[in-house]
């Protein structure tokens, strides 16, 4: 089964510009269906609003992985499988712990990308993440290569996501699983 595990809707907000994503949850779901995905994670910045709206719209047409992209003090973390907001700007350890308390999995988002404020790097990646986003379609080339090498060297589960901020980009990258994506990440069974 194919899942895009990193997308945004207009519920995403950015510290510099107002809206980070420009598509509605409904349009992200429609795009995922159109692209032949089995599921999509809506991971808006610091809020689950978009994923909960998508869940209502999808109604069995496609699997929705609820979650958000949380800004920690050291970079962004995908919180997959959670249905509550997580406060931003906590330490990495606190953020991962909160994700686990809510029953989700913590994925290091777009590591090694050329944006220091949002990207986890170096020693911080040795924290207890459940997976690392090894392929992000918004970071082609060297960042993805480094992420894949890091994941292989440290025997970390890998995920892929489009990091779509517009519905047309949904599905540009996806994770393949044989199981529920949250369980597949926990078991280290992703492709």
Foldseek 3Di string as FASTA:
>chain_A
DWEFEAEEAQVAQDPPDGGQFHHALLLLLVLCVVVPGQEYEHAHEQFQVRQVVNVVNCVPVHHYWTWYWAAEQFATKTLTNARGGDDHHHHPQVRQVVSVVRVTFIEQPQAPAPDRRHHHDDPSVPPPGLAYALEELVRPDDSSVVSVVVCVVVVHQYWHHDNYSYSNSGPVGIKDAPDPVRVCSNVSNID
